[in-house]
Amino acid sequence: MRRLIIGVVTVAVLMISGSAFAEKGTWTGTISDSACGASHAAMKEQGKIASDKDCTEACLKKGAKYVFVNSGKVYMIKNQNFADLKKFAGDKVTLNGDLTGDTMTITKLAAAK
């Protein structure tokens, strides 16, 4: 009985810790902001903002955080102070980094080709 309990606990710990590991990879998407997420359409429709870049920068000034949008899914960015985030705000990029759940940790950003 004791071995069974230890076995069950071991399997549970491995399953939980396995989901905590980061998936390293390269993704193509857009640097956006947490207020607008995948679409800046509402701001554009109101005539307040001319481009995705302008909207992202305006939302960031109001307290939004950088996010990464890939195939319509919005991912939080853990390292908000990453040097090239401001440069690529609102732009399509290739991101290298780690994905844990719905959070990206960036190791490299470049303009998408």
PDB file of N, CA and C in Angstrom:
ATOM      1  N   MET A   1       0.824  -1.185   0.000  1.00  0.00           N
ATOM      2  CA  MET A   1       0.000   0.000   0.000  1.00  0.00           C
ATOM      3  C   MET A   1       0.872   1.255   0.000  1.00  0.00           C
ATOM      4  N   ARG A   2       1.930   1.218   0.789  1.00  0.00           N
ATOM      5  CA  ARG A   2       2.821   2.371   0.882  1.00  0.00           C
ATOM      6  C   ARG A   2       3.478   2.647  -0.467  1.00  0.00           C
ATOM      7  N   ARG A   3       3.896   1.595  -1.175  1.00  0.00           N
ATOM      8  CA  ARG A   3       4.510   1.752  -2.496  1.00  0.00           C
ATOM      9  C   ARG A   3       3.522   2.356  -3.487  1.00  0.00           C
ATOM     10  N   LEU A   4       2.268   1.961  -3.392  1.00  0.00           N
ATOM     11  CA  LEU A   4       1.241   2.502  -4.278  1.00  0.00           C
ATOM     12  C   LEU A   4       1.079   4.004  -4.051  1.00  0.00           C
ATOM     13  N   ILE A   5       1.029   4.416  -2.808  1.00  0.00           N
ATOM     14  CA  ILE A   5       0.882   5.839  -2.477  1.00  0.00           C
ATOM     15  C   ILE A   5       2.097   6.619  -2.977  1.00  0.00           C
ATOM     16  N   ILE A   6       3.284   6.092  -2.745  1.00  0.00           N
ATOM     17  CA  ILE A   6       4.502   6.760  -3.216  1.00  0.00           C
ATOM     18  C   ILE A   6       4.494   6.853  -4.739  1.00  0.00           C
ATOM     19  N   GLY A   7       4.063   5.807  -5.398  1.00  0.00           N
ATOM     20  CA  GLY A   7       3.996   5.812  -6.857  1.00  0.00           C
ATOM     21  C   GLY A   7       3.021   6.850  -7.383  1.00  0.00           C
ATOM     22  N   VAL A   8       1.857   6.941  -6.773  1.00  0.00           N
ATOM     23  CA  VAL A   8       0.849   7.917  -7.189  1.00  0.00           C
ATOM     24  C   VAL A   8       1.358   9.336  -6.968  1.00  0.00           C
ATOM     25  N   VAL A   9       1.968   9.579  -5.830  1.00  0.00           N
ATOM     26  CA  VAL A   9       2.512  10.903  -5.530  1.00  0.00           C
ATOM     27  C   VAL A   9       3.627  11.254  -6.519  1.00  0.00           C
ATOM     28  N   THR A  10       4.478  10.321  -6.825  1.00  0.00           N
ATOM     29  CA  THR A  10       5.570  10.554  -7.766  1.00  0.00           C
ATOM     30  C   THR A  10       5.038  10.921  -9.146  1.00  0.00           C
ATOM     31  N   VAL A  11       4.064  10.178  -9.627  1.00  0.00           N
ATOM     32  CA  VAL A  11       3.466  10.470 -10.932  1.00  0.00           C
ATOM     33  C   VAL A  11       2.820  11.854 -10.922  1.00  0.00           C
ATOM     34  N   ALA A  12       2.126  12.195  -9.858  1.00  0.00           N
ATOM     35  CA  ALA A  12       1.471  13.509  -9.765  1.00  0.00           C
ATOM     36  C   ALA A  12       2.496  14.629  -9.793  1.00  0.00           C
ATOM     37  N   VAL A  13       3.573  14.475  -9.056  1.00  0.00           N
ATOM     38  CA  VAL A  13       4.632  15.492  -9.034  1.00  0.00           C
ATOM     39  C   VAL A  13       5.262  15.639 -10.409  1.00  0.00           C
ATOM     40  N   LEU A  14       5.521  14.551 -11.093  1.00  0.00           N
ATOM     41  CA  LEU A  14       6.111  14.616 -12.431  1.00  0.00           C
ATOM     42  C   LEU A  14       5.173  15.295 -13.423  1.00  0.00           C
ATOM     43  N   MET A  15       3.885  15.024 -13.320  1.00  0.00           N
ATOM     44  CA  MET A  15       2.921  15.646 -14.228  1.00  0.00           C
ATOM     45  C   MET A  15       2.839  17.147 -13.982  1.00  0.00           C
ATOM     46  N   ILE A  16       2.803  17.549 -12.725  1.00  0.00           N
ATOM     47  CA  ILE A  16       2.713  18.970 -12.398  1.00  0.00           C
ATOM     48  C   ILE A  16       3.982  19.694 -12.801  1.00  0.00           C
ATOM     49  N   SER A  17       5.132  19.148 -12.474  1.00  0.00           N
ATOM     50  CA  SER A  17       6.393  19.818 -12.801  1.00  0.00           C
ATOM     51  C   SER A  17       6.653  19.797 -14.296  1.00  0.00           C
ATOM     52  N   GLY A  18       6.154  18.816 -15.011  1.00  0.00           N
ATOM     53  CA  GLY A  18       6.337  18.756 -16.460  1.00  0.00           C
ATOM     54  C   GLY A  18       5.651  19.912 -17.159  1.00  0.00           C
ATOM     55  N   SER A  19       4.504  20.342 -16.650  1.00  0.00           N
ATOM     56  CA  SER A  19       3.795  21.452 -17.275  1.00  0.00           C
ATOM     57  C   SER A  19       4.421  22.791 -16.933  1.00  0.00           C
ATOM     58  N   ALA A  20       5.312  22.824 -15.955  1.00  0.00           N
ATOM     59  CA  ALA A  20       5.952  24.078 -15.559  1.00  0.00           C
ATOM     60  C   ALA A  20       7.193  24.381 -16.404  1.00  0.00           C
ATOM     61  N   PHE A  21       7.661  23.405 -17.183  1.00  0.00           N
ATOM     62  CA  PHE A  21       8.847  23.624 -17.989  1.00  0.00           C
ATOM     63  C   PHE A  21       8.530  24.491 -19.187  1.00  0.00           C
ATOM     64  N   ALA A  22       9.483  25.326 -19.535  1.00  0.00           N
ATOM     65  CA  ALA A  22       9.299  26.223 -20.675  1.00  0.00           C
ATOM     66  C   ALA A  22       9.565  25.495 -21.982  1.00  0.00           C
ATOM     67  N   GLU A  23       8.786  25.860 -22.986  1.00  0.00           N
ATOM     68  CA  GLU A  23       8.988  25.348 -24.331  1.00  0.00           C
ATOM     69  C   GLU A  23       9.798  26.389 -25.096  1.00  0.00           C
ATOM     70  N   LYS A  24      11.005  26.018 -25.484  1.00  0.00           N
ATOM     71  CA  LYS A  24      11.843  26.932 -26.261  1.00  0.00           C
ATOM     72  C   LYS A  24      11.394  26.890 -27.708  1.00  0.00           C
ATOM     73  N   GLY A  25      11.447  28.047 -28.369  1.00  0.00           N
ATOM     74  CA  GLY A  25      11.034  28.044 -29.759  1.00  0.00           C
ATOM     75  C   GLY A  25      11.167  29.390 -30.423  1.00  0.00           C
ATOM     76  N   THR A  26      10.691  29.424 -31.652  1.00  0.00           N
ATOM     77  CA  THR A  26      10.666  30.630 -32.465  1.00  0.00           C
ATOM     78  C   THR A  26       9.249  30.793 -32.995  1.00  0.00           C
ATOM     79  N   TRP A  27       8.685  31.973 -32.818  1.00  0.00           N
ATOM     80  CA  TRP A  27       7.320  32.268 -33.244  1.00  0.00           C
ATOM     81  C   TRP A  27       7.303  33.565 -34.042  1.00  0.00           C
ATOM     82  N   THR A  28       6.360  33.672 -34.957  1.00  0.00           N
ATOM     83  CA  THR A  28       6.157  34.904 -35.703  1.00  0.00           C
ATOM     84  C   THR A  28       4.795  35.463 -35.307  1.00  0.00           C
ATOM     85  N   GLY A  29       4.775  36.746 -35.021  1.00  0.00           N
ATOM     86  CA  GLY A  29       3.541  37.389 -34.600  1.00  0.00           C
ATOM     87  C   GLY A  29       3.752  38.881 -34.480  1.00  0.00           C
ATOM     88  N   THR A  30       2.957  39.513 -33.634  1.00  0.00           N
ATOM     89  CA  THR A  30       2.983  40.962 -33.490  1.00  0.00           C
ATOM     90  C   THR A  30       3.174  41.356 -32.038  1.00  0.00           C
ATOM     91  N   ILE A  31       3.968  42.408 -31.823  1.00  0.00           N
ATOM     92  CA  ILE A  31       4.079  42.987 -30.491  1.00  0.00           C
ATOM     93  C   ILE A  31       2.926  43.970 -30.343  1.00  0.00           C
ATOM     94  N   SER A  32       2.072  43.730 -29.359  1.00  0.00           N
ATOM     95  CA  SER A  32       0.904  44.568 -29.136  1.00  0.00           C
ATOM     96  C   SER A  32       0.888  45.004 -27.674  1.00  0.00           C
ATOM     97  N   ASP A  33      -0.281  45.411 -27.197  1.00  0.00           N
ATOM     98  CA  ASP A  33      -0.426  45.830 -25.807  1.00  0.00           C
ATOM     99  C   ASP A  33      -1.588  45.073 -25.156  1.00  0.00           C
ATOM    100  N   SER A  34      -1.556  45.010 -23.844  1.00  0.00           N
ATOM    101  CA  SER A  34      -2.559  44.230 -23.112  1.00  0.00           C
ATOM    102  C   SER A  34      -3.948  44.865 -23.148  1.00  0.00           C
ATOM    103  N   ALA A  35      -4.059  46.133 -23.452  1.00  0.00           N
ATOM    104  CA  ALA A  35      -5.371  46.768 -23.533  1.00  0.00           C
ATOM    105  C   ALA A  35      -6.105  46.370 -24.815  1.00  0.00           C
ATOM    106  N   CYS A  36      -5.384  46.320 -25.917  1.00  0.00           N
ATOM    107  CA  CYS A  36      -6.011  45.999 -27.212  1.00  0.00           C
ATOM    108  C   CYS A  36      -5.860  44.536 -27.595  1.00  0.00           C
ATOM    109  N   GLY A  37      -4.810  43.898 -27.137  1.00  0.00           N
ATOM    110  CA  GLY A  37      -4.590  42.491 -27.464  1.00  0.00           C
ATOM    111  C   GLY A  37      -4.363  42.268 -28.939  1.00  0.00           C
ATOM    112  N   ALA A  38      -5.201  41.435 -29.542  1.00  0.00           N
ATOM    113  CA  ALA A  38      -5.002  41.027 -30.937  1.00  0.00           C
ATOM    114  C   ALA A  38      -5.491  42.054 -31.952  1.00  0.00           C
ATOM    115  N   SER A  39      -6.281  43.038 -31.527  1.00  0.00           N
ATOM    116  CA  SER A  39      -6.846  43.976 -32.501  1.00  0.00           C
ATOM    117  C   SER A  39      -6.902  45.400 -31.971  1.00  0.00           C
ATOM    118  N   HIS A  40      -6.461  46.318 -32.807  1.00  0.00           N
ATOM    119  CA  HIS A  40      -6.523  47.745 -32.486  1.00  0.00           C
ATOM    120  C   HIS A  40      -7.696  48.399 -33.218  1.00  0.00           C
ATOM    121  N   ALA A  41      -8.612  47.592 -33.723  1.00  0.00           N
ATOM    122  CA  ALA A  41      -9.713  48.082 -34.557  1.00  0.00           C
ATOM    123  C   ALA A  41     -10.586  49.118 -33.854  1.00  0.00           C
ATOM    124  N   ALA A  42     -10.882  48.921 -32.573  1.00  0.00           N
ATOM    125  CA  ALA A  42     -11.754  49.857 -31.862  1.00  0.00           C
ATOM    126  C   ALA A  42     -11.162  51.256 -31.832  1.00  0.00           C
ATOM    127  N   MET A  43      -9.872  51.351 -31.605  1.00  0.00           N
ATOM    128  CA  MET A  43      -9.219  52.665 -31.568  1.00  0.00           C
ATOM    129  C   MET A  43      -9.209  53.297 -32.958  1.00  0.00           C
ATOM    130  N   LYS A  44      -8.992  52.493 -33.978  1.00  0.00           N
ATOM    131  CA  LYS A  44      -8.954  53.009 -35.345  1.00  0.00           C
ATOM    132  C   LYS A  44     -10.338  53.480 -35.778  1.00  0.00           C
ATOM    133  N   GLU A  45     -11.371  52.710 -35.409  1.00  0.00           N
ATOM    134  CA  GLU A  45     -12.741  53.069 -35.789  1.00  0.00           C
ATOM    135  C   GLU A  45     -13.163  54.394 -35.174  1.00  0.00           C
ATOM    136  N   GLN A  46     -12.643  54.689 -34.007  1.00  0.00           N
ATOM    137  CA  GLN A  46     -12.970  55.943 -33.336  1.00  0.00           C
ATOM    138  C   GLN A  46     -12.138  57.105 -33.882  1.00  0.00           C
ATOM    139  N   GLY A  47     -11.229  56.796 -34.803  1.00  0.00           N
ATOM    140  CA  GLY A  47     -10.403  57.829 -35.404  1.00  0.00           C
ATOM    141  C   GLY A  47      -9.345  58.391 -34.474  1.00  0.00           C
ATOM    142  N   LYS A  48      -9.074  57.677 -33.377  1.00  0.00           N
ATOM    143  CA  LYS A  48      -8.114  58.178 -32.397  1.00  0.00           C
ATOM    144  C   LYS A  48      -6.672  57.830 -32.739  1.00  0.00           C
ATOM    145  N   ILE A  49      -6.468  56.714 -33.405  1.00  0.00           N
ATOM    146  CA  ILE A  49      -5.120  56.221 -33.658  1.00  0.00           C
ATOM    147  C   ILE A  49      -4.988  55.842 -35.127  1.00  0.00           C
ATOM    148  N   ALA A  50      -3.850  56.193 -35.729  1.00  0.00           N
ATOM    149  CA  ALA A  50      -3.648  55.933 -37.157  1.00  0.00           C
ATOM    150  C   ALA A  50      -3.072  54.554 -37.446  1.00  0.00           C
ATOM    151  N   SER A  51      -2.236  54.023 -36.586  1.00  0.00           N
ATOM    152  CA  SER A  51      -1.567  52.748 -36.879  1.00  0.00           C
ATOM    153  C   SER A  51      -1.516  51.868 -35.632  1.00  0.00           C
ATOM    154  N   ASP A  52      -1.205  50.579 -35.842  1.00  0.00           N
ATOM    155  CA  ASP A  52      -1.039  49.653 -34.717  1.00  0.00           C
ATOM    156  C   ASP A  52       0.091  50.114 -33.802  1.00  0.00           C
ATOM    157  N   LYS A  53       1.153  50.642 -34.393  1.00  0.00           N
ATOM    158  CA  LYS A  53       2.297  51.128 -33.615  1.00  0.00           C
ATOM    159  C   LYS A  53       1.867  52.291 -32.716  1.00  0.00           C
ATOM    160  N   ASP A  54       1.130  53.257 -33.295  1.00  0.00           N
ATOM    161  CA  ASP A  54       0.662  54.408 -32.521  1.00  0.00           C
ATOM    162  C   ASP A  54      -0.253  53.961 -31.381  1.00  0.00           C
ATOM    163  N   CYS A  55      -1.137  53.027 -31.672  1.00  0.00           N
ATOM    164  CA  CYS A  55      -2.073  52.538 -30.668  1.00  0.00           C
ATOM    165  C   CYS A  55      -1.332  51.830 -29.537  1.00  0.00           C
ATOM    166  N   THR A  56      -0.404  50.966 -29.904  1.00  0.00           N
ATOM    167  CA  THR A  56       0.371  50.245 -28.888  1.00  0.00           C
ATOM    168  C   THR A  56       1.105  51.229 -27.989  1.00  0.00           C
ATOM    169  N   GLU A  57       1.754  52.206 -28.580  1.00  0.00           N
ATOM    170  CA  GLU A  57       2.508  53.191 -27.789  1.00  0.00           C
ATOM    171  C   GLU A  57       1.580  54.002 -26.890  1.00  0.00           C
ATOM    172  N   ALA A  58       0.394  54.386 -27.398  1.00  0.00           N
ATOM    173  CA  ALA A  58      -0.560  55.148 -26.592  1.00  0.00           C
ATOM    174  C   ALA A  58      -1.072  54.318 -25.412  1.00  0.00           C
ATOM    175  N   CYS A  59      -1.394  53.051 -25.662  1.00  0.00           N
ATOM    176  CA  CYS A  59      -1.893  52.179 -24.588  1.00  0.00           C
ATOM    177  C   CYS A  59      -0.821  51.930 -23.535  1.00  0.00           C
ATOM    178  N   LEU A  60       0.425  51.798 -23.962  1.00  0.00           N
ATOM    179  CA  LEU A  60       1.520  51.592 -23.014  1.00  0.00           C
ATOM    180  C   LEU A  60       1.675  52.803 -22.098  1.00  0.00           C
ATOM    181  N   LYS A  61       1.499  53.994 -22.657  1.00  0.00           N
ATOM    182  CA  LYS A  61       1.589  55.213 -21.846  1.00  0.00           C
ATOM    183  C   LYS A  61       0.487  55.267 -20.795  1.00  0.00           C
ATOM    184  N   LYS A  62      -0.626  54.583 -21.061  1.00  0.00           N
ATOM    185  CA  LYS A  62      -1.752  54.554 -20.124  1.00  0.00           C
ATOM    186  C   LYS A  62      -1.663  53.392 -19.140  1.00  0.00           C
ATOM    187  N   GLY A  63      -0.562  52.628 -19.200  1.00  0.00           N
ATOM    188  CA  GLY A  63      -0.360  51.559 -18.218  1.00  0.00           C
ATOM    189  C   GLY A  63      -0.496  50.142 -18.732  1.00  0.00           C
ATOM    190  N   ALA A  64      -0.814  49.968 -20.008  1.00  0.00           N
ATOM    191  CA  ALA A  64      -0.896  48.614 -20.567  1.00  0.00           C
ATOM    192  C   ALA A  64       0.501  47.990 -20.596  1.00  0.00           C
ATOM    193  N   LYS A  65       0.553  46.694 -20.757  1.00  0.00           N
ATOM    194  CA  LYS A  65       1.817  45.953 -20.847  1.00  0.00           C
ATOM    195  C   LYS A  65       1.989  45.431 -22.266  1.00  0.00           C
ATOM    196  N   TYR A  66       3.234  45.149 -22.637  1.00  0.00           N
ATOM    197  CA  TYR A  66       3.508  44.517 -23.922  1.00  0.00           C
ATOM    198  C   TYR A  66       2.956  43.099 -23.917  1.00  0.00           C
ATOM    199  N   VAL A  67       2.417  42.669 -25.062  1.00  0.00           N
ATOM    200  CA  VAL A  67       1.996  41.289 -25.267  1.00  0.00           C
ATOM    201  C   VAL A  67       2.473  40.854 -26.648  1.00  0.00           C
ATOM    202  N   PHE A  68       2.468  39.552 -26.866  1.00  0.00           N
ATOM    203  CA  PHE A  68       2.832  38.979 -28.158  1.00  0.00           C
ATOM    204  C   PHE A  68       1.600  38.273 -28.697  1.00  0.00           C
ATOM    205  N   VAL A  69       1.232  38.570 -29.949  1.00  0.00           N
ATOM    206  CA  VAL A  69       0.053  37.965 -30.565  1.00  0.00           C
ATOM    207  C   VAL A  69       0.510  37.040 -31.687  1.00  0.00           C
ATOM    208  N   ASN A  70       0.105  35.774 -31.584  1.00  0.00           N
ATOM    209  CA  ASN A  70       0.465  34.760 -32.564  1.00  0.00           C
ATOM    210  C   ASN A  70      -0.792  33.996 -32.942  1.00  0.00           C
ATOM    211  N   SER A  71      -1.171  34.063 -34.214  1.00  0.00           N
ATOM    212  CA  SER A  71      -2.372  33.374 -34.712  1.00  0.00           C
ATOM    213  C   SER A  71      -3.613  33.696 -33.890  1.00  0.00           C
ATOM    214  N   GLY A  72      -3.758  34.957 -33.507  1.00  0.00           N
ATOM    215  CA  GLY A  72      -4.919  35.403 -32.759  1.00  0.00           C
ATOM    216  C   GLY A  72      -4.861  35.166 -31.265  1.00  0.00           C
ATOM    217  N   LYS A  73      -3.877  34.418 -30.785  1.00  0.00           N
ATOM    218  CA  LYS A  73      -3.730  34.161 -29.346  1.00  0.00           C
ATOM    219  C   LYS A  73      -2.791  35.200 -28.750  1.00  0.00           C
ATOM    220  N   VAL A  74      -3.169  35.720 -27.599  1.00  0.00           N
ATOM    221  CA  VAL A  74      -2.391  36.758 -26.925  1.00  0.00           C
ATOM    222  C   VAL A  74      -1.577  36.129 -25.789  1.00  0.00           C
ATOM    223  N   TYR A  75      -0.268  36.383 -25.807  1.00  0.00           N
ATOM    224  CA  TYR A  75       0.638  35.875 -24.779  1.00  0.00           C
ATOM    225  C   TYR A  75       1.218  37.043 -23.994  1.00  0.00           C
ATOM    226  N   MET A  76       1.245  36.922 -22.692  1.00  0.00           N
ATOM    227  CA  MET A  76       1.885  37.932 -21.858  1.00  0.00           C
ATOM    228  C   MET A  76       3.394  37.843 -22.094  1.00  0.00           C
ATOM    229  N   ILE A  77       4.090  38.932 -21.891  1.00  0.00           N
ATOM    230  CA  ILE A  77       5.551  38.945 -22.006  1.00  0.00           C
ATOM    231  C   ILE A  77       6.111  39.161 -20.610  1.00  0.00           C
ATOM    232  N   LYS A  78       6.906  38.201 -20.161  1.00  0.00           N
ATOM    233  CA  LYS A  78       7.447  38.240 -18.805  1.00  0.00           C
ATOM    234  C   LYS A  78       8.473  39.349 -18.645  1.00  0.00           C
ATOM    235  N   ASN A  79       9.403  39.441 -19.589  1.00  0.00           N
ATOM    236  CA  ASN A  79      10.476  40.424 -19.468  1.00  0.00           C
ATOM    237  C   ASN A  79      10.097  41.722 -20.199  1.00  0.00           C
ATOM    238  N   GLN A  80       9.242  42.505 -19.552  1.00  0.00           N
ATOM    239  CA  GLN A  80       8.718  43.750 -20.103  1.00  0.00           C
ATOM    240  C   GLN A  80       9.808  44.774 -20.402  1.00  0.00           C
ATOM    241  N   ASN A  81      10.964  44.616 -19.789  1.00  0.00           N
ATOM    242  CA  ASN A  81      12.059  45.560 -20.008  1.00  0.00           C
ATOM    243  C   ASN A  81      13.006  45.126 -21.132  1.00  0.00           C
ATOM    244  N   PHE A  82      12.624  44.116 -21.915  1.00  0.00           N
ATOM    245  CA  PHE A  82      13.470  43.645 -23.011  1.00  0.00           C
ATOM    246  C   PHE A  82      13.747  44.818 -23.959  1.00  0.00           C
ATOM    247  N   ALA A  83      14.985  45.027 -24.297  1.00  0.00           N
ATOM    248  CA  ALA A  83      15.446  46.226 -25.011  1.00  0.00           C
ATOM    249  C   ALA A  83      14.690  46.531 -26.302  1.00  0.00           C
ATOM    250  N   ASP A  84      14.379  45.547 -27.134  1.00  0.00           N
ATOM    251  CA  ASP A  84      13.790  45.811 -28.446  1.00  0.00           C
ATOM    252  C   ASP A  84      12.262  45.879 -28.457  1.00  0.00           C
ATOM    253  N   LEU A  85      11.614  45.735 -27.319  1.00  0.00           N
ATOM    254  CA  LEU A  85      10.155  45.798 -27.298  1.00  0.00           C
ATOM    255  C   LEU A  85       9.641  47.148 -27.798  1.00  0.00           C
ATOM    256  N   LYS A  86      10.204  48.225 -27.322  1.00  0.00           N
ATOM    257  CA  LYS A  86       9.749  49.555 -27.749  1.00  0.00           C
ATOM    258  C   LYS A  86       9.982  49.747 -29.246  1.00  0.00           C
ATOM    259  N   LYS A  87      11.111  49.302 -29.725  1.00  0.00           N
ATOM    260  CA  LYS A  87      11.458  49.429 -31.148  1.00  0.00           C
ATOM    261  C   LYS A  87      10.423  48.730 -32.031  1.00  0.00           C
ATOM    262  N   PHE A  88       9.948  47.554 -31.622  1.00  0.00           N
ATOM    263  CA  PHE A  88       9.048  46.747 -32.444  1.00  0.00           C
ATOM    264  C   PHE A  88       7.582  46.826 -32.019  1.00  0.00           C
ATOM    265  N   ALA A  89       7.224  47.767 -31.150  1.00  0.00           N
ATOM    266  CA  ALA A  89       5.830  47.909 -30.712  1.00  0.00           C
ATOM    267  C   ALA A  89       4.920  48.084 -31.920  1.00  0.00           C
ATOM    268  N   GLY A  90       3.895  47.239 -32.028  1.00  0.00           N
ATOM    269  CA  GLY A  90       2.947  47.311 -33.134  1.00  0.00           C
ATOM    270  C   GLY A  90       3.402  46.632 -34.411  1.00  0.00           C
ATOM    271  N   ASP A  91       4.614  46.108 -34.434  1.00  0.00           N
ATOM    272  CA  ASP A  91       5.183  45.513 -35.647  1.00  0.00           C
ATOM    273  C   ASP A  91       5.109  43.989 -35.633  1.00  0.00           C
ATOM    274  N   LYS A  92       5.176  43.405 -36.830  1.00  0.00           N
ATOM    275  CA  LYS A  92       5.267  41.958 -36.984  1.00  0.00           C
ATOM    276  C   LYS A  92       6.725  41.568 -36.744  1.00  0.00           C
ATOM    277  N   VAL A  93       6.936  40.560 -35.898  1.00  0.00           N
ATOM    278  CA  VAL A  93       8.281  40.164 -35.490  1.00  0.00           C
ATOM    279  C   VAL A  93       8.450  38.648 -35.494  1.00  0.00           C
ATOM    280  N   THR A  94       9.694  38.250 -35.446  1.00  0.00           N
ATOM    281  CA  THR A  94      10.058  36.879 -35.146  1.00  0.00           C
ATOM    282  C   THR A  94      10.637  36.904 -33.743  1.00  0.00           C
ATOM    283  N   LEU A  95      10.051  36.101 -32.866  1.00  0.00           N
ATOM    284  CA  LEU A  95      10.432  36.076 -31.458  1.00  0.00           C
ATOM    285  C   LEU A  95      11.078  34.743 -31.133  1.00  0.00           C
ATOM    286  N   ASN A  96      12.234  34.794 -30.514  1.00  0.00           N
ATOM    287  CA  ASN A  96      12.881  33.606 -29.967  1.00  0.00           C
ATOM    288  C   ASN A  96      12.747  33.708 -28.461  1.00  0.00           C
ATOM    289  N   GLY A  97      12.431  32.584 -27.825  1.00  0.00           N
ATOM    290  CA  GLY A  97      12.301  32.623 -26.382  1.00  0.00           C
ATOM    291  C   GLY A  97      11.712  31.367 -25.809  1.00  0.00           C
ATOM    292  N   ASP A  98      11.141  31.520 -24.632  1.00  0.00           N
ATOM    293  CA  ASP A  98      10.554  30.409 -23.887  1.00  0.00           C
ATOM    294  C   ASP A  98       9.080  30.696 -23.653  1.00  0.00           C
ATOM    295  N   LEU A  99       8.257  29.667 -23.831  1.00  0.00           N
ATOM    296  CA  LEU A  99       6.826  29.766 -23.586  1.00  0.00           C
ATOM    297  C   LEU A  99       6.475  28.871 -22.412  1.00  0.00           C
ATOM    298  N   THR A 100       5.895  29.476 -21.373  1.00  0.00           N
ATOM    299  CA  THR A 100       5.414  28.739 -20.221  1.00  0.00           C
ATOM    300  C   THR A 100       3.958  29.129 -20.024  1.00  0.00           C
ATOM    301  N   GLY A 101       3.059  28.203 -20.304  1.00  0.00           N
ATOM    302  CA  GLY A 101       1.631  28.512 -20.219  1.00  0.00           C
ATOM    303  C   GLY A 101       1.263  29.547 -21.259  1.00  0.00           C
ATOM    304  N   ASP A 102       0.827  30.712 -20.808  1.00  0.00           N
ATOM    305  CA  ASP A 102       0.486  31.786 -21.741  1.00  0.00           C
ATOM    306  C   ASP A 102       1.437  32.979 -21.600  1.00  0.00           C
ATOM    307  N   THR A 103       2.657  32.693 -21.137  1.00  0.00           N
ATOM    308  CA  THR A 103       3.647  33.748 -20.923  1.00  0.00           C
ATOM    309  C   THR A 103       4.936  33.460 -21.690  1.00  0.00           C
ATOM    310  N   MET A 104       5.387  34.461 -22.448  1.00  0.00           N
ATOM    311  CA  MET A 104       6.636  34.375 -23.206  1.00  0.00           C
ATOM    312  C   MET A 104       7.756  35.082 -22.445  1.00  0.00           C
ATOM    313  N   THR A 105       8.937  34.498 -22.497  1.00  0.00           N
ATOM    314  CA  THR A 105      10.140  35.172 -22.045  1.00  0.00           C
ATOM    315  C   THR A 105      11.020  35.310 -23.290  1.00  0.00           C
ATOM    316  N   ILE A 106      11.269  36.538 -23.699  1.00  0.00           N
ATOM    317  CA  ILE A 106      11.970  36.798 -24.944  1.00  0.00           C
ATOM    318  C   ILE A 106      13.472  36.706 -24.766  1.00  0.00           C
ATOM    319  N   THR A 107      14.131  36.037 -25.725  1.00  0.00           N
ATOM    320  CA  THR A 107      15.593  36.040 -25.765  1.00  0.00           C
ATOM    321  C   THR A 107      16.101  36.811 -26.985  1.00  0.00           C
ATOM    322  N   LYS A 108      15.242  36.925 -28.030  1.00  0.00           N
ATOM    323  CA  LYS A 108      15.639  37.668 -29.236  1.00  0.00           C
ATOM    324  C   LYS A 108      14.389  38.102 -29.992  1.00  0.00           C
ATOM    325  N   LEU A 109      14.428  39.330 -30.500  1.00  0.00           N
ATOM    326  CA  LEU A 109      13.353  39.856 -31.358  1.00  0.00           C
ATOM    327  C   LEU A 109      13.972  40.383 -32.634  1.00  0.00           C
ATOM    328  N   ALA A 110      13.313  40.147 -33.739  1.00  0.00           N
ATOM    329  CA  ALA A 110      13.762  40.671 -35.026  1.00  0.00           C
ATOM    330  C   ALA A 110      12.537  40.947 -35.879  1.00  0.00           C
ATOM    331  N   ALA A 111      12.683  41.871 -36.829  1.00  0.00           N
ATOM    332  CA  ALA A 111      11.590  42.154 -37.752  1.00  0.00           C
ATOM    333  C   ALA A 111      11.286  40.886 -38.535  1.00  0.00           C
ATOM    334  N   ALA A 112      10.009  40.594 -38.697  1.00  0.00           N
ATOM    335  CA  ALA A 112       9.613  39.403 -39.470  1.00  0.00           C
ATOM    336  C   ALA A 112       9.944  39.606 -40.936  1.00  0.00           C
ATOM    337  N   LYS A 113      10.337  38.532 -41.578  1.00  0.00           N
ATOM    338  CA  LYS A 113      10.694  38.608 -42.986  1.00  0.00           C
ATOM    339  C   LYS A 113       9.515  38.246 -43.847  1.00  0.00           C
TER     340      LYS A 113
END
